[in-house]
Every structure is written in structure tokens, then in C-alpha cells.
PDB file of N, CA and C in Angstrom:
ATOM      1  N   MET A   1       3.883   4.076   9.566  1.00  0.00           N
ATOM      2  CA  MET A   1       2.527   3.587   9.467  1.00  0.00           C
ATOM      3  C   MET A   1       2.367   2.904   8.122  1.00  0.00           C
ATOM      4  N   GLU A   2       1.757   1.739   8.173  1.00  0.00           N
ATOM      5  CA  GLU A   2       1.458   0.980   6.959  1.00  0.00           C
ATOM      6  C   GLU A   2       0.079   0.357   7.106  1.00  0.00           C
ATOM      7  N   PHE A   3      -0.440  -0.145   5.991  1.00  0.00           N
ATOM      8  CA  PHE A   3      -1.697  -0.874   6.043  1.00  0.00           C
ATOM      9  C   PHE A   3      -1.747  -1.904   4.937  1.00  0.00           C
ATOM     10  N   GLU A   4      -2.620  -2.897   5.134  1.00  0.00           N
ATOM     11  CA  GLU A   4      -2.877  -3.878   4.089  1.00  0.00           C
ATOM     12  C   GLU A   4      -4.365  -4.167   4.053  1.00  0.00           C
ATOM     13  N   VAL A   5      -4.860  -4.401   2.866  1.00  0.00           N
ATOM     14  CA  VAL A   5      -6.257  -4.769   2.679  1.00  0.00           C
ATOM     15  C   VAL A   5      -6.354  -6.268   2.927  1.00  0.00           C
ATOM     16  N   VAL A   6      -7.183  -6.628   3.905  1.00  0.00           N
ATOM     17  CA  VAL A   6      -7.353  -8.020   4.269  1.00  0.00           C
ATOM     18  C   VAL A   6      -8.559  -8.623   3.559  1.00  0.00           C
ATOM     19  N   GLU A   7      -9.555  -7.790   3.329  1.00  0.00           N
ATOM     20  CA  GLU A   7     -10.790  -8.246   2.686  1.00  0.00           C
ATOM     21  C   GLU A   7     -11.389  -7.065   1.929  1.00  0.00           C
ATOM     22  N   ALA A   8     -11.843  -7.318   0.727  1.00  0.00           N
ATOM     23  CA  ALA A   8     -12.474  -6.260  -0.058  1.00  0.00           C
ATOM     24  C   ALA A   8     -13.519  -6.881  -0.974  1.00  0.00           C
ATOM     25  N   ASN A   9     -14.767  -6.492  -0.745  1.00  0.00           N
ATOM     26  CA  ASN A   9     -15.863  -6.923  -1.592  1.00  0.00           C
ATOM     27  C   ASN A   9     -16.937  -5.840  -1.546  1.00  0.00           C
ATOM     28  N   GLN A  10     -18.107  -6.100  -2.110  1.00  0.00           N
ATOM     29  CA  GLN A  10     -19.139  -5.068  -2.145  1.00  0.00           C
ATOM     30  C   GLN A  10     -19.721  -4.777  -0.771  1.00  0.00           C
ATOM     31  N   GLN A  11     -19.621  -5.733   0.161  1.00  0.00           N
ATOM     32  CA  GLN A  11     -20.173  -5.540   1.500  1.00  0.00           C
ATOM     33  C   GLN A  11     -19.230  -4.807   2.438  1.00  0.00           C
ATOM     34  N   VAL A  12     -17.940  -5.112   2.363  1.00  0.00           N
ATOM     35  CA  VAL A  12     -17.010  -4.592   3.363  1.00  0.00           C
ATOM     36  C   VAL A  12     -15.596  -4.474   2.802  1.00  0.00           C
ATOM     37  N   THR A  13     -14.902  -3.461   3.297  1.00  0.00           N
ATOM     38  CA  THR A  13     -13.463  -3.341   3.078  1.00  0.00           C
ATOM     39  C   THR A  13     -12.815  -3.397   4.457  1.00  0.00           C
ATOM     40  N   ARG A  14     -12.000  -4.425   4.670  1.00  0.00           N
ATOM     41  CA  ARG A  14     -11.344  -4.595   5.968  1.00  0.00           C
ATOM     42  C   ARG A  14      -9.844  -4.362   5.783  1.00  0.00           C
ATOM     43  N   VAL A  15      -9.315  -3.462   6.620  1.00  0.00           N
ATOM     44  CA  VAL A  15      -7.917  -3.051   6.508  1.00  0.00           C
ATOM     45  C   VAL A  15      -7.231  -3.226   7.857  1.00  0.00           C
ATOM     46  N   ARG A  16      -6.018  -3.764   7.818  1.00  0.00           N
ATOM     47  CA  ARG A  16      -5.184  -3.891   9.015  1.00  0.00           C
ATOM     48  C   ARG A  16      -4.120  -2.798   8.956  1.00  0.00           C
ATOM     49  N   LEU A  17      -4.045  -2.000  10.031  1.00  0.00           N
ATOM     50  CA  LEU A  17      -3.044  -0.930  10.122  1.00  0.00           C
ATOM     51  C   LEU A  17      -1.996  -1.307  11.161  1.00  0.00           C
ATOM     52  N   TRP A  18      -0.772  -0.813  10.967  1.00  0.00           N
ATOM     53  CA  TRP A  18       0.251  -1.007  11.991  1.00  0.00           C
ATOM     54  C   TRP A  18       1.198   0.169  11.995  1.00  0.00           C
ATOM     55  N   GLY A  19       1.691   0.473  13.202  1.00  0.00           N
ATOM     56  CA  GLY A  19       2.608   1.599  13.365  1.00  0.00           C
ATOM     57  C   GLY A  19       1.964   2.743  14.111  1.00  0.00           C
ATOM     58  N   ARG A  20       2.493   3.935  13.919  1.00  0.00           N
ATOM     59  CA  ARG A  20       2.024   5.142  14.608  1.00  0.00           C
ATOM     60  C   ARG A  20       1.156   5.976  13.672  1.00  0.00           C
ATOM     61  N   LEU A  21      -0.056   6.256  14.120  1.00  0.00           N
ATOM     62  CA  LEU A  21      -0.960   7.090  13.344  1.00  0.00           C
ATOM     63  C   LEU A  21      -0.798   8.528  13.831  1.00  0.00           C
ATOM     64  N   ASP A  22       0.403   9.051  13.559  1.00  0.00           N
ATOM     65  CA  ASP A  22       0.761  10.424  13.915  1.00  0.00           C
ATOM     66  C   ASP A  22       0.940  11.209  12.619  1.00  0.00           C
ATOM     67  N   THR A  23       1.484  12.407  12.684  1.00  0.00           N
ATOM     68  CA  THR A  23       1.602  13.239  11.481  1.00  0.00           C
ATOM     69  C   THR A  23       2.362  12.541  10.351  1.00  0.00           C
ATOM     70  N   PRO A  24       3.573  12.015  10.599  1.00  0.00           N
ATOM     71  CA  PRO A  24       4.256  11.327   9.492  1.00  0.00           C
ATOM     72  C   PRO A  24       3.498  10.092   9.014  1.00  0.00           C
ATOM     73  N   GLY A  25       2.872   9.366   9.948  1.00  0.00           N
ATOM     74  CA  GLY A  25       2.121   8.169   9.582  1.00  0.00           C
ATOM     75  C   GLY A  25       0.913   8.493   8.728  1.00  0.00           C
ATOM     76  N   VAL A  26       0.166   9.516   9.118  1.00  0.00           N
ATOM     77  CA  VAL A  26      -1.004   9.936   8.341  1.00  0.00           C
ATOM     78  C   VAL A  26      -0.557  10.418   6.964  1.00  0.00           C
ATOM     79  N   ASP A  27       0.496  11.222   6.916  1.00  0.00           N
ATOM     80  CA  ASP A  27       1.011  11.709   5.631  1.00  0.00           C
ATOM     81  C   ASP A  27       1.365  10.544   4.709  1.00  0.00           C
ATOM     82  N   ARG A  28       1.874   9.484   5.292  1.00  0.00           N
ATOM     83  CA  ARG A  28       2.333   8.337   4.508  1.00  0.00           C
ATOM     84  C   ARG A  28       1.179   7.541   3.891  1.00  0.00           C
ATOM     85  N   ILE A  29       0.033   7.444   4.609  1.00  0.00           N
ATOM     86  CA  ILE A  29      -1.021   6.546   4.136  1.00  0.00           C
ATOM     87  C   ILE A  29      -2.345   7.213   3.756  1.00  0.00           C
ATOM     88  N   GLU A  30      -2.543   8.469   4.092  1.00  0.00           N
ATOM     89  CA  GLU A  30      -3.869   9.083   3.975  1.00  0.00           C
ATOM     90  C   GLU A  30      -4.492   8.937   2.581  1.00  0.00           C
ATOM     91  N   THR A  31      -3.803   9.309   1.559  1.00  0.00           N
ATOM     92  CA  THR A  31      -4.363   9.266   0.207  1.00  0.00           C
ATOM     93  C   THR A  31      -4.700   7.839  -0.198  1.00  0.00           C
ATOM     94  N   ARG A  32      -3.773   6.925   0.034  1.00  0.00           N
ATOM     95  CA  ARG A  32      -4.008   5.524  -0.348  1.00  0.00           C
ATOM     96  C   ARG A  32      -5.124   4.894   0.481  1.00  0.00           C
ATOM     97  N   LEU A  33      -5.161   5.184   1.788  1.00  0.00           N
ATOM     98  CA  LEU A  33      -6.190   4.609   2.648  1.00  0.00           C
ATOM     99  C   LEU A  33      -7.574   5.149   2.275  1.00  0.00           C
ATOM    100  N   ASN A  34      -7.680   6.438   2.032  1.00  0.00           N
ATOM    101  CA  ASN A  34      -8.957   7.010   1.607  1.00  0.00           C
ATOM    102  C   ASN A  34      -9.434   6.379   0.304  1.00  0.00           C
ATOM    103  N   ALA A  35      -8.545   6.201  -0.643  1.00  0.00           N
ATOM    104  CA  ALA A  35      -8.908   5.577  -1.914  1.00  0.00           C
ATOM    105  C   ALA A  35      -9.349   4.127  -1.704  1.00  0.00           C
ATOM    106  N   THR A  36      -8.668   3.432  -0.849  1.00  0.00           N
ATOM    107  CA  THR A  36      -9.027   2.047  -0.546  1.00  0.00           C
ATOM    108  C   THR A  36     -10.404   1.962   0.091  1.00  0.00           C
ATOM    109  N   MET A  37     -10.672   2.808   1.063  1.00  0.00           N
ATOM    110  CA  MET A  37     -11.943   2.769   1.785  1.00  0.00           C
ATOM    111  C   MET A  37     -13.101   3.268   0.924  1.00  0.00           C
ATOM    112  N   ALA A  38     -12.809   4.009  -0.124  1.00  0.00           N
ATOM    113  CA  ALA A  38     -13.850   4.555  -0.998  1.00  0.00           C
ATOM    114  C   ALA A  38     -14.370   3.532  -2.009  1.00  0.00           C
ATOM    115  N   LYS A  39     -13.758   2.370  -2.067  1.00  0.00           N
ATOM    116  CA  LYS A  39     -14.104   1.404  -3.107  1.00  0.00           C
ATOM    117  C   LYS A  39     -15.445   0.732  -2.906  1.00  0.00           C
ATOM    118  N   GLY A  40     -15.976   0.728  -1.695  1.00  0.00           N
ATOM    119  CA  GLY A  40     -17.306   0.153  -1.535  1.00  0.00           C
ATOM    120  C   GLY A  40     -17.536  -0.538  -0.222  1.00  0.00           C
ATOM    121  N   GLY A  41     -18.795  -0.588   0.175  1.00  0.00           N
ATOM    122  CA  GLY A  41     -19.211  -1.302   1.368  1.00  0.00           C
ATOM    123  C   GLY A  41     -18.841  -0.586   2.659  1.00  0.00           C
ATOM    124  N   HIS A  42     -19.102  -1.291   3.751  1.00  0.00           N
ATOM    125  CA  HIS A  42     -18.739  -0.794   5.074  1.00  0.00           C
ATOM    126  C   HIS A  42     -17.226  -0.886   5.241  1.00  0.00           C
ATOM    127  N   GLY A  43     -16.697  -0.201   6.253  1.00  0.00           N
ATOM    128  CA  GLY A  43     -15.274  -0.244   6.529  1.00  0.00           C
ATOM    129  C   GLY A  43     -14.983  -0.832   7.895  1.00  0.00           C
ATOM    130  N   ILE A  44     -13.991  -1.680   7.955  1.00  0.00           N
ATOM    131  CA  ILE A  44     -13.484  -2.206   9.217  1.00  0.00           C
ATOM    132  C   ILE A  44     -11.997  -1.906   9.257  1.00  0.00           C
ATOM    133  N   LEU A  45     -11.587  -1.151  10.281  1.00  0.00           N
ATOM    134  CA  LEU A  45     -10.169  -0.852  10.459  1.00  0.00           C
ATOM    135  C   LEU A  45      -9.663  -1.584  11.691  1.00  0.00           C
ATOM    136  N   ASP A  46      -8.740  -2.505  11.483  1.00  0.00           N
ATOM    137  CA  ASP A  46      -8.128  -3.266  12.571  1.00  0.00           C
ATOM    138  C   ASP A  46      -6.978  -2.438  13.137  1.00  0.00           C
ATOM    139  N   LEU A  47      -7.159  -1.970  14.375  1.00  0.00           N
ATOM    140  CA  LEU A  47      -6.162  -1.110  15.027  1.00  0.00           C
ATOM    141  C   LEU A  47      -5.281  -1.873  16.004  1.00  0.00           C
ATOM    142  N   THR A  48      -5.314  -3.195  15.975  1.00  0.00           N
ATOM    143  CA  THR A  48      -4.571  -4.022  16.918  1.00  0.00           C
ATOM    144  C   THR A  48      -3.110  -3.628  17.016  1.00  0.00           C
ATOM    145  N   GLU A  49      -2.495  -3.293  15.894  1.00  0.00           N
ATOM    146  CA  GLU A  49      -1.065  -3.007  15.867  1.00  0.00           C
ATOM    147  C   GLU A  49      -0.739  -1.519  15.724  1.00  0.00           C
ATOM    148  N   VAL A  50      -1.732  -0.661  15.943  1.00  0.00           N
ATOM    149  CA  VAL A  50      -1.485   0.783  15.944  1.00  0.00           C
ATOM    150  C   VAL A  50      -1.044   1.154  17.361  1.00  0.00           C
ATOM    151  N   THR A  51       0.161   1.708  17.473  1.00  0.00           N
ATOM    152  CA  THR A  51       0.742   1.959  18.793  1.00  0.00           C
ATOM    153  C   THR A  51       0.507   3.372  19.309  1.00  0.00           C
ATOM    154  N   PHE A  52       0.096   4.294  18.426  1.00  0.00           N
ATOM    155  CA  PHE A  52      -0.111   5.681  18.838  1.00  0.00           C
ATOM    156  C   PHE A  52      -1.117   6.323  17.903  1.00  0.00           C
ATOM    157  N   LEU A  53      -1.991   7.167  18.455  1.00  0.00           N
ATOM    158  CA  LEU A  53      -2.994   7.875  17.660  1.00  0.00           C
ATOM    159  C   LEU A  53      -2.962   9.348  18.040  1.00  0.00           C
ATOM    160  N   SER A  54      -2.597  10.195  17.087  1.00  0.00           N
ATOM    161  CA  SER A  54      -2.550  11.643  17.323  1.00  0.00           C
ATOM    162  C   SER A  54      -3.866  12.279  16.879  1.00  0.00           C
ATOM    163  N   SER A  55      -3.975  13.585  17.090  1.00  0.00           N
ATOM    164  CA  SER A  55      -5.179  14.299  16.661  1.00  0.00           C
ATOM    165  C   SER A  55      -5.331  14.244  15.141  1.00  0.00           C
ATOM    166  N   LEU A  56      -4.230  14.221  14.416  1.00  0.00           N
ATOM    167  CA  LEU A  56      -4.308  14.100  12.962  1.00  0.00           C
ATOM    168  C   LEU A  56      -4.835  12.717  12.569  1.00  0.00           C
ATOM    169  N   GLY A  57      -4.466  11.712  13.327  1.00  0.00           N
ATOM    170  CA  GLY A  57      -4.999  10.370  13.103  1.00  0.00           C
ATOM    171  C   GLY A  57      -6.491  10.318  13.382  1.00  0.00           C
ATOM    172  N   VAL A  58      -6.928  11.002  14.431  1.00  0.00           N
ATOM    173  CA  VAL A  58      -8.355  11.091  14.741  1.00  0.00           C
ATOM    174  C   VAL A  58      -9.087  11.743  13.575  1.00  0.00           C
ATOM    175  N   ARG A  59      -8.515  12.815  13.037  1.00  0.00           N
ATOM    176  CA  ARG A  59      -9.112  13.501  11.884  1.00  0.00           C
ATOM    177  C   ARG A  59      -9.236  12.559  10.691  1.00  0.00           C
ATOM    178  N   LEU A  60      -8.221  11.748  10.456  1.00  0.00           N
ATOM    179  CA  LEU A  60      -8.254  10.791   9.353  1.00  0.00           C
ATOM    180  C   LEU A  60      -9.406   9.800   9.546  1.00  0.00           C
ATOM    181  N   LEU A  61      -9.548   9.265  10.756  1.00  0.00           N
ATOM    182  CA  LEU A  61     -10.611   8.305  11.032  1.00  0.00           C
ATOM    183  C   LEU A  61     -11.987   8.947  10.845  1.00  0.00           C
ATOM    184  N   LEU A  62     -12.142  10.173  11.330  1.00  0.00           N
ATOM    185  CA  LEU A  62     -13.409  10.891  11.154  1.00  0.00           C
ATOM    186  C   LEU A  62     -13.715  11.134   9.679  1.00  0.00           C
ATOM    187  N   GLY A  63     -12.704  11.493   8.927  1.00  0.00           N
ATOM    188  CA  GLY A  63     -12.883  11.731   7.496  1.00  0.00           C
ATOM    189  C   GLY A  63     -13.351  10.479   6.768  1.00  0.00           C
ATOM    190  N   ILE A  64     -12.776   9.348   7.106  1.00  0.00           N
ATOM    191  CA  ILE A  64     -13.196   8.085   6.488  1.00  0.00           C
ATOM    192  C   ILE A  64     -14.635   7.768   6.884  1.00  0.00           C
ATOM    193  N   ALA A  65     -14.956   7.959   8.160  1.00  0.00           N
ATOM    194  CA  ALA A  65     -16.318   7.693   8.638  1.00  0.00           C
ATOM    195  C   ALA A  65     -17.337   8.570   7.916  1.00  0.00           C
ATOM    196  N   LYS A  66     -17.010   9.843   7.727  1.00  0.00           N
ATOM    197  CA  LYS A  66     -17.925  10.752   7.029  1.00  0.00           C
ATOM    198  C   LYS A  66     -18.099  10.356   5.571  1.00  0.00           C
ATOM    199  N   MET A  67     -17.003   9.963   4.929  1.00  0.00           N
ATOM    200  CA  MET A  67     -17.071   9.528   3.540  1.00  0.00           C
ATOM    201  C   MET A  67     -17.993   8.312   3.417  1.00  0.00           C
ATOM    202  N   LEU A  68     -17.832   7.344   4.317  1.00  0.00           N
ATOM    203  CA  LEU A  68     -18.672   6.151   4.273  1.00  0.00           C
ATOM    204  C   LEU A  68     -20.125   6.482   4.586  1.00  0.00           C
ATOM    205  N   ASP A  69     -20.340   7.379   5.535  1.00  0.00           N
ATOM    206  CA  ASP A  69     -21.691   7.763   5.931  1.00  0.00           C
ATOM    207  C   ASP A  69     -22.445   8.402   4.761  1.00  0.00           C
ATOM    208  N   ARG A  70     -21.757   9.159   3.941  1.00  0.00           N
ATOM    209  CA  ARG A  70     -22.401   9.804   2.785  1.00  0.00           C
ATOM    210  C   ARG A  70     -22.995   8.787   1.819  1.00  0.00           C
ATOM    211  N   ARG A  71     -22.491   7.584   1.837  1.00  0.00           N
ATOM    212  CA  ARG A  71     -23.069   6.546   0.975  1.00  0.00           C
ATOM    213  C   ARG A  71     -23.755   5.449   1.794  1.00  0.00           C
ATOM    214  N   SER A  72     -24.186   5.836   3.001  1.00  0.00           N
ATOM    215  CA  SER A  72     -24.972   4.956   3.889  1.00  0.00           C
ATOM    216  C   SER A  72     -24.208   3.715   4.329  1.00  0.00           C
ATOM    217  N   SER A  73     -22.909   3.832   4.476  1.00  0.00           N
ATOM    218  CA  SER A  73     -22.078   2.764   5.012  1.00  0.00           C
ATOM    219  C   SER A  73     -21.509   3.211   6.350  1.00  0.00           C
ATOM    220  N   LYS A  74     -20.973   2.264   7.100  1.00  0.00           N
ATOM    221  CA  LYS A  74     -20.428   2.564   8.421  1.00  0.00           C
ATOM    222  C   LYS A  74     -18.966   2.161   8.510  1.00  0.00           C
ATOM    223  N   LEU A  75     -18.284   2.775   9.478  1.00  0.00           N
ATOM    224  CA  LEU A  75     -16.911   2.424   9.813  1.00  0.00           C
ATOM    225  C   LEU A  75     -16.895   1.875  11.223  1.00  0.00           C
ATOM    226  N   VAL A  76     -16.243   0.733  11.401  1.00  0.00           N
ATOM    227  CA  VAL A  76     -16.054   0.150  12.724  1.00  0.00           C
ATOM    228  C   VAL A  76     -14.562   0.001  12.970  1.00  0.00           C
ATOM    229  N   LEU A  77     -14.129   0.407  14.155  1.00  0.00           N
ATOM    230  CA  LEU A  77     -12.745   0.249  14.578  1.00  0.00           C
ATOM    231  C   LEU A  77     -12.645  -1.026  15.408  1.00  0.00           C
ATOM    232  N   VAL A  78     -11.551  -1.764  15.238  1.00  0.00           N
ATOM    233  CA  VAL A  78     -11.409  -3.048  15.915  1.00  0.00           C
ATOM    234  C   VAL A  78     -10.153  -3.078  16.774  1.00  0.00           C
ATOM    235  N   ALA A  79     -10.329  -3.480  18.035  1.00  0.00           N
ATOM    236  CA  ALA A  79      -9.265  -3.861  18.967  1.00  0.00           C
ATOM    237  C   ALA A  79      -8.130  -2.843  19.128  1.00  0.00           C
ATOM    238  N   PRO A  80      -8.447  -1.599  19.459  1.00  0.00           N
ATOM    239  CA  PRO A  80      -7.351  -0.651  19.698  1.00  0.00           C
ATOM    240  C   PRO A  80      -6.582  -1.002  20.962  1.00  0.00           C
ATOM    241  N   GLN A  81      -5.266  -0.803  20.927  1.00  0.00           N
ATOM    242  CA  GLN A  81      -4.435  -0.977  22.121  1.00  0.00           C
ATOM    243  C   GLN A  81      -4.841   0.065  23.161  1.00  0.00           C
ATOM    244  N   ALA A  82      -4.401  -0.133  24.394  1.00  0.00           N
ATOM    245  CA  ALA A  82      -4.813   0.716  25.513  1.00  0.00           C
ATOM    246  C   ALA A  82      -4.573   2.201  25.246  1.00  0.00           C
ATOM    247  N   LEU A  83      -3.384   2.578  24.771  1.00  0.00           N
ATOM    248  CA  LEU A  83      -3.073   3.987  24.528  1.00  0.00           C
ATOM    249  C   LEU A  83      -3.956   4.568  23.431  1.00  0.00           C
ATOM    250  N   VAL A  84      -4.176   3.813  22.389  1.00  0.00           N
ATOM    251  CA  VAL A  84      -5.020   4.260  21.285  1.00  0.00           C
ATOM    252  C   VAL A  84      -6.475   4.353  21.750  1.00  0.00           C
ATOM    253  N   ASP A  85      -6.925   3.372  22.514  1.00  0.00           N
ATOM    254  CA  ASP A  85      -8.278   3.380  23.052  1.00  0.00           C
ATOM    255  C   ASP A  85      -8.499   4.597  23.941  1.00  0.00           C
ATOM    256  N   GLU A  86      -7.507   4.931  24.732  1.00  0.00           N
ATOM    257  CA  GLU A  86      -7.589   6.115  25.600  1.00  0.00           C
ATOM    258  C   GLU A  86      -7.745   7.392  24.767  1.00  0.00           C
ATOM    259  N   THR A  87      -6.997   7.501  23.698  1.00  0.00           N
ATOM    260  CA  THR A  87      -7.106   8.665  22.814  1.00  0.00           C
ATOM    261  C   THR A  87      -8.490   8.733  22.177  1.00  0.00           C
ATOM    262  N   LEU A  88      -9.003   7.586  21.740  1.00  0.00           N
ATOM    263  CA  LEU A  88     -10.340   7.550  21.143  1.00  0.00           C
ATOM    264  C   LEU A  88     -11.387   8.031  22.140  1.00  0.00           C
ATOM    265  N   ARG A  89     -11.242   7.636  23.390  1.00  0.00           N
ATOM    266  CA  ARG A  89     -12.208   8.022  24.417  1.00  0.00           C
ATOM    267  C   ARG A  89     -12.046   9.499  24.823  1.00  0.00           C
ATOM    268  N   HIS A  90     -10.807   9.969  24.945  1.00  0.00           N
ATOM    269  CA  HIS A  90     -10.585  11.373  25.298  1.00  0.00           C
ATOM    270  C   HIS A  90     -11.058  12.329  24.212  1.00  0.00           C
ATOM    271  N   SER A  91     -10.998  11.884  22.982  1.00  0.00           N
ATOM    272  CA  SER A  91     -11.467  12.722  21.873  1.00  0.00           C
ATOM    273  C   SER A  91     -12.954  12.516  21.608  1.00  0.00           C
ATOM    274  N   SER A  92     -13.589  11.661  22.393  1.00  0.00           N
ATOM    275  CA  SER A  92     -15.017  11.308  22.257  1.00  0.00           C
ATOM    276  C   SER A  92     -15.333  10.637  20.924  1.00  0.00           C
ATOM    277  N   LEU A  93     -14.315  10.139  20.251  1.00  0.00           N
ATOM    278  CA  LEU A  93     -14.544   9.440  18.990  1.00  0.00           C
ATOM    279  C   LEU A  93     -15.316   8.146  19.222  1.00  0.00           C
ATOM    280  N   ASP A  94     -15.165   7.574  20.418  1.00  0.00           N
ATOM    281  CA  ASP A  94     -15.892   6.346  20.738  1.00  0.00           C
ATOM    282  C   ASP A  94     -17.401   6.581  20.813  1.00  0.00           C
ATOM    283  N   GLU A  95     -17.818   7.837  20.923  1.00  0.00           N
ATOM    284  CA  GLU A  95     -19.247   8.160  20.935  1.00  0.00           C
ATOM    285  C   GLU A  95     -19.803   8.320  19.520  1.00  0.00           C
ATOM    286  N   ILE A  96     -18.902   8.457  18.554  1.00  0.00           N
ATOM    287  CA  ILE A  96     -19.303   8.658  17.163  1.00  0.00           C
ATOM    288  C   ILE A  96     -19.122   7.377  16.348  1.00  0.00           C
ATOM    289  N   LEU A  97     -18.005   6.691  16.582  1.00  0.00           N
ATOM    290  CA  LEU A  97     -17.681   5.485  15.830  1.00  0.00           C
ATOM    291  C   LEU A  97     -17.768   4.257  16.726  1.00  0.00           C
ATOM    292  N   PRO A  98     -18.377   3.186  16.233  1.00  0.00           N
ATOM    293  CA  PRO A  98     -18.393   1.958  17.019  1.00  0.00           C
ATOM    294  C   PRO A  98     -17.001   1.341  17.095  1.00  0.00           C
ATOM    295  N   ILE A  99     -16.700   0.795  18.273  1.00  0.00           N
ATOM    296  CA  ILE A  99     -15.425   0.120  18.502  1.00  0.00           C
ATOM    297  C   ILE A  99     -15.733  -1.296  18.956  1.00  0.00           C
ATOM    298  N   ALA A 100     -15.180  -2.273  18.246  1.00  0.00           N
ATOM    299  CA  ALA A 100     -15.393  -3.677  18.575  1.00  0.00           C
ATOM    300  C   ALA A 100     -14.108  -4.272  19.152  1.00  0.00           C
ATOM    301  N   ARG A 101     -14.275  -5.236  20.030  1.00  0.00           N
ATOM    302  CA  ARG A 101     -13.109  -5.911  20.621  1.00  0.00           C
ATOM    303  C   ARG A 101     -12.426  -6.863  19.643  1.00  0.00           C
ATOM    304  N   ASP A 102     -13.208  -7.394  18.689  1.00  0.00           N
ATOM    305  CA  ASP A 102     -12.650  -8.348  17.736  1.00  0.00           C
ATOM    306  C   ASP A 102     -13.435  -8.293  16.428  1.00  0.00           C
ATOM    307  N   LEU A 103     -12.977  -9.074  15.468  1.00  0.00           N
ATOM    308  CA  LEU A 103     -13.592  -9.065  14.141  1.00  0.00           C
ATOM    309  C   LEU A 103     -15.039  -9.536  14.193  1.00  0.00           C
ATOM    310  N   ASP A 104     -15.332 -10.550  14.990  1.00  0.00           N
ATOM    311  CA  ASP A 104     -16.708 -11.033  15.099  1.00  0.00           C
ATOM    312  C   ASP A 104     -17.616  -9.939  15.613  1.00  0.00           C
ATOM    313  N   GLY A 105     -17.139  -9.170  16.597  1.00  0.00           N
ATOM    314  CA  GLY A 105     -17.906  -8.055  17.127  1.00  0.00           C
ATOM    315  C   GLY A 105     -18.135  -6.982  16.082  1.00  0.00           C
ATOM    316  N   ALA A 106     -17.129  -6.719  15.265  1.00  0.00           N
ATOM    317  CA  ALA A 106     -17.267  -5.723  14.196  1.00  0.00           C
ATOM    318  C   ALA A 106     -18.298  -6.172  13.174  1.00  0.00           C
ATOM    319  N   ARG A 107     -18.242  -7.430  12.798  1.00  0.00           N
ATOM    320  CA  ARG A 107     -19.216  -7.951  11.842  1.00  0.00           C
ATOM    321  C   ARG A 107     -20.631  -7.892  12.414  1.00  0.00           C
ATOM    322  N   ALA A 108     -20.759  -8.156  13.713  1.00  0.00           N
ATOM    323  CA  ALA A 108     -22.071  -8.086  14.348  1.00  0.00           C
ATOM    324  C   ALA A 108     -22.605  -6.648  14.337  1.00  0.00           C
ATOM    325  N   LEU A 109     -21.745  -5.676  14.590  1.00  0.00           N
ATOM    326  CA  LEU A 109     -22.157  -4.284  14.570  1.00  0.00           C
ATOM    327  C   LEU A 109     -22.631  -3.856  13.171  1.00  0.00           C
ATOM    328  N   LEU A 110     -22.046  -4.454  12.173  1.00  0.00           N
ATOM    329  CA  LEU A 110     -22.414  -4.138  10.784  1.00  0.00           C
ATOM    330  C   LEU A 110     -23.487  -5.072  10.244  1.00  0.00           C
ATOM    331  N   ALA A 111     -23.886  -6.047  11.058  1.00  0.00           N
ATOM    332  CA  ALA A 111     -24.881  -7.040  10.664  1.00  0.00           C
ATOM    333  C   ALA A 111     -24.448  -7.794   9.396  1.00  0.00           C
ATOM    334  N   LEU A 112     -23.178  -8.207   9.370  1.00  0.00           N
ATOM    335  CA  LEU A 112     -22.661  -8.965   8.218  1.00  0.00           C
ATOM    336  C   LEU A 112     -22.662 -10.446   8.522  1.00  0.00           C
TER     337      LEU A 112
END
């Protein structure tokens, strides 16, 4: 699992993730990703290239969402693959976090 910051300003931090968001993947990026998302604004996580999402990955996403919520910001997930989308729905995370089909949809959800 890896990630890169695509956009970072006071309004939004947009990050592209790729790989498996499983135990080794979360262990590899959790500290750095949390620090990145804590820098300011709303969060957009592009899940287009995430091929697997485990329960630990769900916990990571929830943790980021809670951190952002504490400062009145939101997290939007973008374009999860079918398997990842299924996990989000089975864990009911889709009822807590908005999921957009594309970047324009994510920006609309955040009113950016």
C-alpha cells in the first residue's frame, strides 16, 4: 500500500492510494496518512487503485473521518473498485462516509 498527495491546501487534502488496504498495508501507511490528513481542510481519498479493503482498513478510514469531523471537516471516498465498494457497503461505512464516483462528485459533496 502506498499513497501520494495530489492536492493540499487550506480547503482540501486529496490523496491517491494504491495497493491493498489490509494489515500490512495499513501498518505501512497509517502514521504518515493520518499526519497528512491532519494538515487541514476536508479530505478526499481516491480509492480507484485500492484492490482490497480489510476491517483494519475500514478502521483507518473511520479514524480519519472522526479526526476530520472533530474540526468540522469531512472525508469523501472516491471511485472504489467493486470489491472495495462491496466491503464498504457490508461494513455500512457507506452510510457514514460519502462515496463519490469521481472527483467532480467528491468536490460537489464538499461544496468546493
